[in-house]
């Protein structure tokens, strides 16, 4: 009977240890913050690798404090034609949204870093890509702090 209790106690410890997700046993680490950003790190992580495949990027072995997940698809059907053109571009793109009232935008790198943001104030919003490198970018349309549409823009 005692072996049965020890077995159940051990099994419950193992199960509860798996429930505490995103734990790192490390020998040290620190957190730094400036006006340009912040970094937190731990020492003692054995494997550090970044794998990139086209539009996908996976970094393992680093403590990642923020996770942004988004989709290029519509989150909410608009019933009207929202477009970004010309895409791909060399210099400028226009975002055309007929029903723009109360909407905001974020221009981001493909990894999610916000470059520019603001209120959509007209049916067409012009974005300049002249000063940006050749890459993929995202234009997020936001309504009430919720992404409702994300456009992928390619600068060639």
N, C-alpha and C. Protein backbone atom coordinates (compact mmCIF):
# COMPACT_ATOMS: atom_id res chain seq x y z
N UNK A 1 0.82 -1.19 0.00
CA UNK A 1 0.00 0.00 0.00
C UNK A 1 0.87 1.26 0.00
N UNK A 2 2.00 1.24 0.75
CA UNK A 2 2.88 2.41 0.79
C UNK A 2 3.54 2.66 -0.57
N UNK A 3 3.90 1.58 -1.27
CA UNK A 3 4.49 1.76 -2.59
C UNK A 3 3.49 2.41 -3.54
N UNK A 4 2.22 2.07 -3.42
CA UNK A 4 1.17 2.66 -4.23
C UNK A 4 1.07 4.16 -3.96
N UNK A 5 1.13 4.58 -2.70
CA UNK A 5 1.08 6.01 -2.34
C UNK A 5 2.30 6.75 -2.86
N UNK A 6 3.48 6.13 -2.72
CA UNK A 6 4.70 6.76 -3.24
C UNK A 6 4.64 6.91 -4.76
N UNK A 7 4.09 5.87 -5.41
CA UNK A 7 3.94 5.93 -6.85
C UNK A 7 3.01 7.08 -7.25
N UNK A 8 1.86 7.21 -6.60
CA UNK A 8 0.92 8.29 -6.91
C UNK A 8 1.52 9.66 -6.60
N UNK A 9 2.26 9.75 -5.50
CA UNK A 9 2.89 11.02 -5.15
C UNK A 9 3.93 11.39 -6.21
N UNK A 10 4.74 10.44 -6.62
CA UNK A 10 5.74 10.70 -7.66
C UNK A 10 5.11 11.05 -8.99
N UNK A 11 4.05 10.34 -9.35
CA UNK A 11 3.35 10.63 -10.59
C UNK A 11 2.73 12.02 -10.57
N UNK A 12 2.14 12.42 -9.47
CA UNK A 12 1.55 13.77 -9.38
C UNK A 12 2.64 14.84 -9.44
N UNK A 13 3.82 14.59 -8.86
CA UNK A 13 4.93 15.56 -8.98
C UNK A 13 5.38 15.71 -10.43
N UNK A 14 5.47 14.61 -11.13
CA UNK A 14 5.88 14.66 -12.53
C UNK A 14 4.86 15.43 -13.36
N UNK A 15 3.58 15.14 -13.16
CA UNK A 15 2.52 15.81 -13.93
C UNK A 15 2.50 17.31 -13.63
N UNK A 16 2.60 17.70 -12.36
CA UNK A 16 2.57 19.13 -12.03
C UNK A 16 3.81 19.85 -12.52
N UNK A 17 4.93 19.15 -12.64
CA UNK A 17 6.13 19.82 -13.17
C UNK A 17 5.96 20.16 -14.64
N UNK A 18 5.20 19.35 -15.39
CA UNK A 18 4.95 19.65 -16.80
C UNK A 18 3.93 20.78 -16.97
N UNK A 19 3.10 21.03 -15.99
CA UNK A 19 2.10 22.09 -16.10
C UNK A 19 2.71 23.48 -15.98
N UNK A 20 3.84 23.63 -15.36
CA UNK A 20 4.51 24.93 -15.23
C UNK A 20 5.33 25.22 -16.47
N UNK A 21 4.70 25.63 -17.54
CA UNK A 21 5.35 25.83 -18.83
C UNK A 21 6.30 27.02 -18.79
N UNK A 22 7.24 27.03 -19.72
CA UNK A 22 8.20 28.10 -19.94
C UNK A 22 9.05 28.36 -18.71
N UNK A 23 9.58 27.32 -18.12
CA UNK A 23 10.49 27.47 -17.00
C UNK A 23 11.90 27.16 -17.48
N UNK A 24 12.86 27.90 -16.98
CA UNK A 24 14.25 27.70 -17.33
C UNK A 24 15.04 27.54 -16.04
N UNK A 25 15.81 26.47 -15.95
CA UNK A 25 16.73 26.30 -14.84
C UNK A 25 18.06 26.83 -15.33
N UNK A 26 18.50 27.95 -14.77
CA UNK A 26 19.71 28.60 -15.29
C UNK A 26 20.65 28.92 -14.14
N UNK A 27 21.91 29.18 -14.52
CA UNK A 27 22.91 29.55 -13.53
C UNK A 27 22.94 31.04 -13.27
N UNK A 28 22.34 31.83 -14.13
CA UNK A 28 22.31 33.28 -13.94
C UNK A 28 21.61 33.95 -15.09
N UNK A 29 21.52 35.27 -15.02
CA UNK A 29 20.87 36.03 -16.07
C UNK A 29 20.62 37.44 -15.62
N UNK A 30 20.00 38.24 -16.45
CA UNK A 30 19.74 39.63 -16.09
C UNK A 30 18.72 40.23 -17.05
N UNK A 31 18.34 41.46 -16.78
CA UNK A 31 17.36 42.19 -17.58
C UNK A 31 17.85 43.62 -17.72
N UNK A 32 17.86 44.15 -18.95
CA UNK A 32 18.27 45.52 -19.21
C UNK A 32 17.21 46.20 -20.06
N UNK A 33 17.00 47.50 -19.81
CA UNK A 33 16.02 48.25 -20.57
C UNK A 33 16.56 49.64 -20.85
N UNK A 34 16.39 50.10 -22.12
CA UNK A 34 16.77 51.45 -22.53
C UNK A 34 15.60 52.06 -23.29
N UNK A 35 15.79 53.27 -23.80
CA UNK A 35 14.74 53.89 -24.61
C UNK A 35 14.52 53.15 -25.92
N UNK A 36 15.54 52.43 -26.40
CA UNK A 36 15.45 51.74 -27.68
C UNK A 36 14.86 50.34 -27.57
N UNK A 37 14.77 49.78 -26.36
CA UNK A 37 14.24 48.43 -26.22
C UNK A 37 14.68 47.79 -24.93
N UNK A 38 14.43 46.51 -24.82
CA UNK A 38 14.81 45.78 -23.61
C UNK A 38 15.32 44.41 -24.00
N UNK A 39 16.09 43.81 -23.10
CA UNK A 39 16.59 42.45 -23.31
C UNK A 39 16.63 41.76 -21.96
N UNK A 40 16.19 40.53 -21.94
CA UNK A 40 16.34 39.69 -20.76
C UNK A 40 16.99 38.40 -21.23
N UNK A 41 17.89 37.86 -20.41
CA UNK A 41 18.61 36.67 -20.83
C UNK A 41 18.91 35.79 -19.63
N UNK A 42 19.15 34.54 -19.93
CA UNK A 42 19.59 33.59 -18.92
C UNK A 42 20.88 32.94 -19.40
N UNK A 43 21.69 32.56 -18.45
CA UNK A 43 22.96 31.89 -18.75
C UNK A 43 22.78 30.42 -18.41
N UNK A 44 23.30 29.57 -19.25
CA UNK A 44 23.23 28.16 -18.99
C UNK A 44 22.38 27.40 -19.99
N UNK A 45 21.86 28.08 -21.00
CA UNK A 45 21.10 27.40 -22.03
C UNK A 45 22.08 26.74 -22.99
N UNK A 46 21.91 25.47 -23.19
CA UNK A 46 22.90 24.68 -23.91
C UNK A 46 22.83 24.87 -25.41
N UNK A 47 21.64 24.87 -25.99
CA UNK A 47 21.48 24.92 -27.44
C UNK A 47 20.86 26.24 -27.84
N UNK A 48 21.53 26.96 -28.74
CA UNK A 48 20.99 28.21 -29.28
C UNK A 48 21.07 28.10 -30.79
N UNK A 49 19.92 28.21 -31.45
CA UNK A 49 19.90 28.08 -32.90
C UNK A 49 18.72 28.86 -33.47
N UNK A 50 18.94 29.49 -34.60
CA UNK A 50 17.87 30.17 -35.33
C UNK A 50 17.77 29.53 -36.70
N UNK A 51 16.56 29.14 -37.06
CA UNK A 51 16.30 28.51 -38.34
C UNK A 51 15.33 29.39 -39.10
N UNK A 52 15.71 29.81 -40.31
CA UNK A 52 14.83 30.62 -41.14
C UNK A 52 14.57 29.89 -42.43
N UNK A 53 13.30 29.92 -42.86
CA UNK A 53 12.89 29.27 -44.09
C UNK A 53 11.87 30.16 -44.77
N UNK A 54 12.31 31.03 -45.65
CA UNK A 54 11.38 31.93 -46.33
C UNK A 54 10.77 32.91 -45.36
N UNK A 55 9.46 32.78 -45.11
CA UNK A 55 8.75 33.70 -44.24
C UNK A 55 8.72 33.25 -42.79
N UNK A 56 9.29 32.08 -42.48
CA UNK A 56 9.21 31.54 -41.13
C UNK A 56 10.54 31.68 -40.41
N UNK A 57 10.49 31.93 -39.11
CA UNK A 57 11.69 32.05 -38.30
C UNK A 57 11.44 31.37 -36.96
N UNK A 58 12.35 30.49 -36.54
CA UNK A 58 12.25 29.81 -35.26
C UNK A 58 13.56 30.01 -34.52
N UNK A 59 13.49 30.55 -33.32
CA UNK A 59 14.67 30.70 -32.47
C UNK A 59 14.45 29.86 -31.23
N UNK A 60 15.36 28.95 -30.97
CA UNK A 60 15.25 28.14 -29.78
C UNK A 60 16.46 28.38 -28.91
N UNK A 61 16.29 28.22 -27.62
CA UNK A 61 17.39 28.39 -26.70
C UNK A 61 17.46 29.76 -26.08
N UNK A 62 16.66 30.70 -26.55
CA UNK A 62 16.61 32.03 -25.96
C UNK A 62 15.32 32.19 -25.17
N UNK A 63 15.41 32.92 -24.09
CA UNK A 63 14.21 33.29 -23.35
C UNK A 63 13.48 34.34 -24.17
N UNK A 64 12.26 34.08 -24.54
CA UNK A 64 11.50 35.00 -25.36
C UNK A 64 10.32 35.50 -24.52
N UNK A 65 10.38 36.78 -24.13
CA UNK A 65 9.39 37.32 -23.21
C UNK A 65 8.10 37.73 -23.89
N UNK A 66 8.12 37.99 -25.19
CA UNK A 66 6.93 38.43 -25.90
C UNK A 66 6.70 37.54 -27.11
N UNK A 67 5.47 37.12 -27.29
CA UNK A 67 5.12 36.31 -28.44
C UNK A 67 3.94 36.96 -29.13
N UNK A 68 4.14 37.40 -30.36
CA UNK A 68 3.06 37.98 -31.16
C UNK A 68 2.70 37.00 -32.25
N UNK A 69 1.45 36.61 -32.29
CA UNK A 69 0.97 35.70 -33.32
C UNK A 69 -0.07 36.44 -34.14
N UNK A 70 0.07 36.40 -35.46
CA UNK A 70 -0.88 37.08 -36.32
C UNK A 70 -1.01 36.28 -37.61
N UNK A 71 -1.97 36.66 -38.39
CA UNK A 71 -2.22 35.97 -39.64
C UNK A 71 -2.32 37.00 -40.77
N UNK A 72 -2.07 36.58 -41.96
CA UNK A 72 -2.20 37.46 -43.12
C UNK A 72 -3.65 37.46 -43.60
N UNK A 73 -4.47 36.60 -43.09
CA UNK A 73 -5.86 36.49 -43.51
C UNK A 73 -6.74 37.48 -42.77
N UNK A 74 -7.98 37.66 -43.26
CA UNK A 74 -8.95 38.51 -42.58
C UNK A 74 -9.34 37.90 -41.25
N UNK A 75 -9.38 38.74 -40.21
CA UNK A 75 -9.92 38.33 -38.93
C UNK A 75 -11.42 38.56 -38.89
N UNK A 76 -11.88 39.55 -39.65
CA UNK A 76 -13.29 39.92 -39.65
C UNK A 76 -13.67 40.27 -41.08
N UNK A 77 -14.67 39.63 -41.65
CA UNK A 77 -15.05 39.98 -43.01
C UNK A 77 -15.56 41.41 -43.08
N UNK A 78 -15.06 42.15 -44.05
CA UNK A 78 -15.43 43.57 -44.14
C UNK A 78 -16.58 43.82 -45.10
N UNK A 79 -16.80 42.93 -46.03
CA UNK A 79 -17.88 43.14 -46.98
C UNK A 79 -17.50 44.13 -48.08
N UNK A 80 -16.36 44.79 -47.97
CA UNK A 80 -15.90 45.75 -48.98
C UNK A 80 -14.48 45.37 -49.39
N UNK A 81 -14.05 45.94 -50.45
CA UNK A 81 -12.73 45.62 -50.98
C UNK A 81 -11.66 46.50 -50.35
N UNK A 82 -10.83 45.90 -49.51
CA UNK A 82 -9.67 46.58 -48.91
C UNK A 82 -8.45 46.09 -49.67
N UNK A 83 -7.63 47.00 -50.17
CA UNK A 83 -6.46 46.59 -50.96
C UNK A 83 -5.25 47.44 -50.61
N UNK A 84 -4.08 46.86 -50.88
CA UNK A 84 -2.80 47.56 -50.83
C UNK A 84 -2.19 47.41 -52.21
N UNK A 85 -1.81 48.54 -52.82
CA UNK A 85 -1.28 48.50 -54.18
C UNK A 85 -0.28 49.63 -54.38
N UNK A 86 0.66 49.55 -55.29
CA UNK A 86 1.10 48.34 -56.00
C UNK A 86 1.91 47.46 -55.04
N UNK A 87 1.76 46.20 -55.20
CA UNK A 87 2.45 45.25 -54.33
C UNK A 87 2.87 44.07 -55.17
N UNK A 88 4.15 43.84 -55.34
CA UNK A 88 5.32 44.45 -54.69
C UNK A 88 5.56 45.88 -55.17
N UNK A 89 6.42 46.59 -54.39
CA UNK A 89 6.66 48.00 -54.66
C UNK A 89 8.15 48.30 -54.63
N UNK A 90 8.50 49.45 -55.21
CA UNK A 90 9.87 49.97 -55.11
C UNK A 90 9.94 51.17 -54.18
N UNK A 91 8.82 51.89 -54.05
CA UNK A 91 8.86 53.15 -53.30
C UNK A 91 7.64 53.40 -52.42
N UNK A 92 6.43 53.37 -52.96
CA UNK A 92 5.23 53.71 -52.21
C UNK A 92 4.16 52.64 -52.40
N UNK A 93 3.29 52.49 -51.39
CA UNK A 93 2.07 51.72 -51.56
C UNK A 93 0.91 52.54 -50.99
N UNK A 94 -0.28 52.28 -51.51
CA UNK A 94 -1.49 52.91 -50.99
C UNK A 94 -2.35 51.83 -50.35
N UNK A 95 -2.89 52.17 -49.20
CA UNK A 95 -3.86 51.32 -48.52
C UNK A 95 -5.22 51.93 -48.76
N UNK A 96 -6.10 51.20 -49.46
CA UNK A 96 -7.45 51.71 -49.75
C UNK A 96 -8.46 50.98 -48.88
N UNK A 97 -9.14 51.76 -48.02
CA UNK A 97 -10.19 51.24 -47.15
C UNK A 97 -11.38 52.18 -47.24
N UNK A 98 -12.47 51.77 -47.89
CA UNK A 98 -13.62 52.66 -48.04
C UNK A 98 -14.25 53.08 -46.71
N UNK A 99 -14.32 52.17 -45.75
CA UNK A 99 -14.96 52.46 -44.46
C UNK A 99 -13.88 52.54 -43.37
N UNK A 100 -13.17 53.66 -43.33
CA UNK A 100 -11.97 53.81 -42.51
C UNK A 100 -12.21 54.40 -41.12
N UNK A 101 -13.40 54.86 -40.81
CA UNK A 101 -13.65 55.57 -39.56
C UNK A 101 -13.29 54.72 -38.35
N UNK A 102 -12.49 55.31 -37.44
CA UNK A 102 -12.12 54.66 -36.19
C UNK A 102 -11.01 53.64 -36.31
N UNK A 103 -10.40 53.50 -37.49
CA UNK A 103 -9.35 52.50 -37.68
C UNK A 103 -7.97 53.11 -37.52
N UNK A 104 -7.03 52.29 -37.10
CA UNK A 104 -5.62 52.67 -36.98
C UNK A 104 -4.78 51.69 -37.80
N UNK A 105 -3.51 52.04 -38.02
CA UNK A 105 -2.60 51.15 -38.75
C UNK A 105 -1.29 51.03 -38.00
N UNK A 106 -0.57 49.96 -38.29
CA UNK A 106 0.81 49.76 -37.85
C UNK A 106 1.59 49.25 -39.05
N UNK A 107 2.69 49.90 -39.37
CA UNK A 107 3.63 49.41 -40.37
C UNK A 107 4.73 48.70 -39.60
N UNK A 108 4.96 47.42 -39.91
CA UNK A 108 5.89 46.60 -39.13
C UNK A 108 6.86 45.87 -40.04
N UNK A 109 7.99 45.49 -39.46
CA UNK A 109 8.86 44.54 -40.15
C UNK A 109 8.16 43.20 -40.15
N UNK A 110 8.67 42.27 -40.92
CA UNK A 110 8.01 40.97 -41.00
C UNK A 110 8.11 40.20 -39.69
N UNK A 111 9.05 40.57 -38.85
CA UNK A 111 9.19 39.93 -37.54
C UNK A 111 8.36 40.62 -36.47
N UNK A 112 7.61 41.68 -36.83
CA UNK A 112 6.67 42.29 -35.90
C UNK A 112 7.11 43.57 -35.24
N UNK A 113 8.31 44.07 -35.55
CA UNK A 113 8.77 45.34 -34.96
C UNK A 113 8.01 46.50 -35.61
N UNK A 114 7.37 47.32 -34.77
CA UNK A 114 6.57 48.44 -35.29
C UNK A 114 7.50 49.56 -35.76
N UNK A 115 7.37 49.95 -37.04
CA UNK A 115 8.17 51.03 -37.62
C UNK A 115 7.41 52.35 -37.53
N UNK A 116 6.12 52.29 -37.79
CA UNK A 116 5.29 53.50 -37.83
C UNK A 116 3.86 53.10 -37.51
N UNK A 117 3.14 53.98 -36.82
CA UNK A 117 1.74 53.71 -36.54
C UNK A 117 0.97 55.02 -36.50
N UNK A 118 -0.33 54.92 -36.69
CA UNK A 118 -1.15 56.13 -36.68
C UNK A 118 -2.60 55.83 -36.97
N UNK A 119 -3.37 56.89 -37.09
CA UNK A 119 -4.80 56.80 -37.35
C UNK A 119 -5.03 56.87 -38.86
N UNK A 120 -5.94 56.05 -39.36
CA UNK A 120 -6.32 56.11 -40.77
C UNK A 120 -7.32 57.24 -40.91
N UNK A 121 -6.94 58.26 -41.70
CA UNK A 121 -7.75 59.48 -41.76
C UNK A 121 -8.41 59.72 -43.11
N UNK A 122 -8.27 58.78 -44.04
CA UNK A 122 -8.84 58.96 -45.37
C UNK A 122 -9.08 57.60 -45.98
N UNK A 123 -9.78 57.56 -47.10
CA UNK A 123 -10.02 56.28 -47.76
C UNK A 123 -8.74 55.69 -48.34
N UNK A 124 -7.74 56.54 -48.61
CA UNK A 124 -6.44 56.05 -49.07
C UNK A 124 -5.34 56.60 -48.19
N UNK A 125 -4.48 55.70 -47.73
CA UNK A 125 -3.34 56.07 -46.90
C UNK A 125 -2.07 55.69 -47.66
N UNK A 126 -1.13 56.63 -47.77
CA UNK A 126 0.10 56.42 -48.53
C UNK A 126 1.23 56.04 -47.57
N UNK A 127 1.96 54.97 -47.91
CA UNK A 127 3.11 54.51 -47.13
C UNK A 127 4.35 54.59 -48.00
N UNK A 128 5.40 55.25 -47.50
CA UNK A 128 6.67 55.34 -48.22
C UNK A 128 7.60 54.22 -47.76
N UNK A 129 8.20 53.52 -48.72
CA UNK A 129 9.17 52.47 -48.43
C UNK A 129 10.55 52.85 -48.95
N UNK A 130 10.74 54.12 -49.32
CA UNK A 130 11.99 54.57 -49.92
C UNK A 130 13.18 54.34 -48.98
N UNK A 131 13.01 54.62 -47.70
CA UNK A 131 14.12 54.53 -46.75
C UNK A 131 14.29 53.14 -46.14
N UNK A 132 13.51 52.16 -46.58
CA UNK A 132 13.57 50.83 -45.99
C UNK A 132 14.29 49.87 -46.92
N UNK A 133 14.93 48.84 -46.37
CA UNK A 133 15.65 47.87 -47.20
C UNK A 133 14.69 46.97 -47.97
N UNK A 134 15.23 46.23 -48.93
CA UNK A 134 14.44 45.26 -49.67
C UNK A 134 14.06 44.14 -48.71
N UNK A 135 12.77 43.98 -48.48
CA UNK A 135 12.30 43.00 -47.49
C UNK A 135 10.79 42.89 -47.57
N UNK A 136 10.25 42.03 -46.72
CA UNK A 136 8.80 41.91 -46.56
C UNK A 136 8.38 42.73 -45.34
N UNK A 137 7.25 43.40 -45.43
CA UNK A 137 6.71 44.22 -44.36
C UNK A 137 5.25 43.86 -44.13
N UNK A 138 4.71 44.31 -43.01
CA UNK A 138 3.31 44.09 -42.69
C UNK A 138 2.62 45.42 -42.45
N UNK A 139 1.40 45.55 -42.95
CA UNK A 139 0.55 46.69 -42.60
C UNK A 139 -0.64 46.07 -41.85
N UNK A 140 -0.73 46.38 -40.57
CA UNK A 140 -1.82 45.87 -39.74
C UNK A 140 -2.91 46.93 -39.62
N UNK A 141 -4.16 46.55 -39.83
CA UNK A 141 -5.31 47.44 -39.63
C UNK A 141 -5.94 47.04 -38.31
N UNK A 142 -6.16 48.05 -37.45
CA UNK A 142 -6.59 47.80 -36.08
C UNK A 142 -7.91 48.51 -35.83
N UNK A 143 -8.83 47.81 -35.20
CA UNK A 143 -10.11 48.38 -34.78
C UNK A 143 -10.34 47.98 -33.32
N UNK A 144 -10.46 48.99 -32.45
CA UNK A 144 -10.67 48.74 -31.01
C UNK A 144 -9.61 47.81 -30.44
N UNK A 145 -8.32 48.10 -30.70
CA UNK A 145 -7.18 47.33 -30.19
C UNK A 145 -7.19 45.87 -30.64
N UNK A 146 -7.79 45.58 -31.78
CA UNK A 146 -7.84 44.23 -32.34
C UNK A 146 -7.44 44.27 -33.80
N UNK A 147 -6.48 43.43 -34.19
CA UNK A 147 -6.09 43.35 -35.59
C UNK A 147 -7.25 42.76 -36.37
N UNK A 148 -7.71 43.49 -37.40
CA UNK A 148 -8.80 42.95 -38.22
C UNK A 148 -8.34 42.59 -39.63
N UNK A 149 -7.17 43.08 -40.02
CA UNK A 149 -6.63 42.74 -41.33
C UNK A 149 -5.13 42.99 -41.29
N UNK A 150 -4.36 42.08 -41.88
CA UNK A 150 -2.91 42.24 -41.98
C UNK A 150 -2.53 42.01 -43.44
N UNK A 151 -1.86 43.01 -44.03
CA UNK A 151 -1.40 42.92 -45.41
C UNK A 151 0.10 42.67 -45.42
N UNK A 152 0.54 41.80 -46.30
CA UNK A 152 1.98 41.58 -46.52
C UNK A 152 2.39 42.42 -47.71
N UNK A 153 3.44 43.24 -47.53
CA UNK A 153 3.94 44.11 -48.61
C UNK A 153 5.39 43.74 -48.86
N UNK A 154 5.75 43.59 -50.13
CA UNK A 154 7.11 43.25 -50.52
C UNK A 154 7.75 44.47 -51.16
N UNK A 155 8.93 44.86 -50.64
CA UNK A 155 9.71 45.92 -51.29
C UNK A 155 10.79 45.23 -52.11
N UNK A 156 10.81 45.57 -53.42
CA UNK A 156 11.80 44.97 -54.33
C UNK A 156 12.91 45.95 -54.63
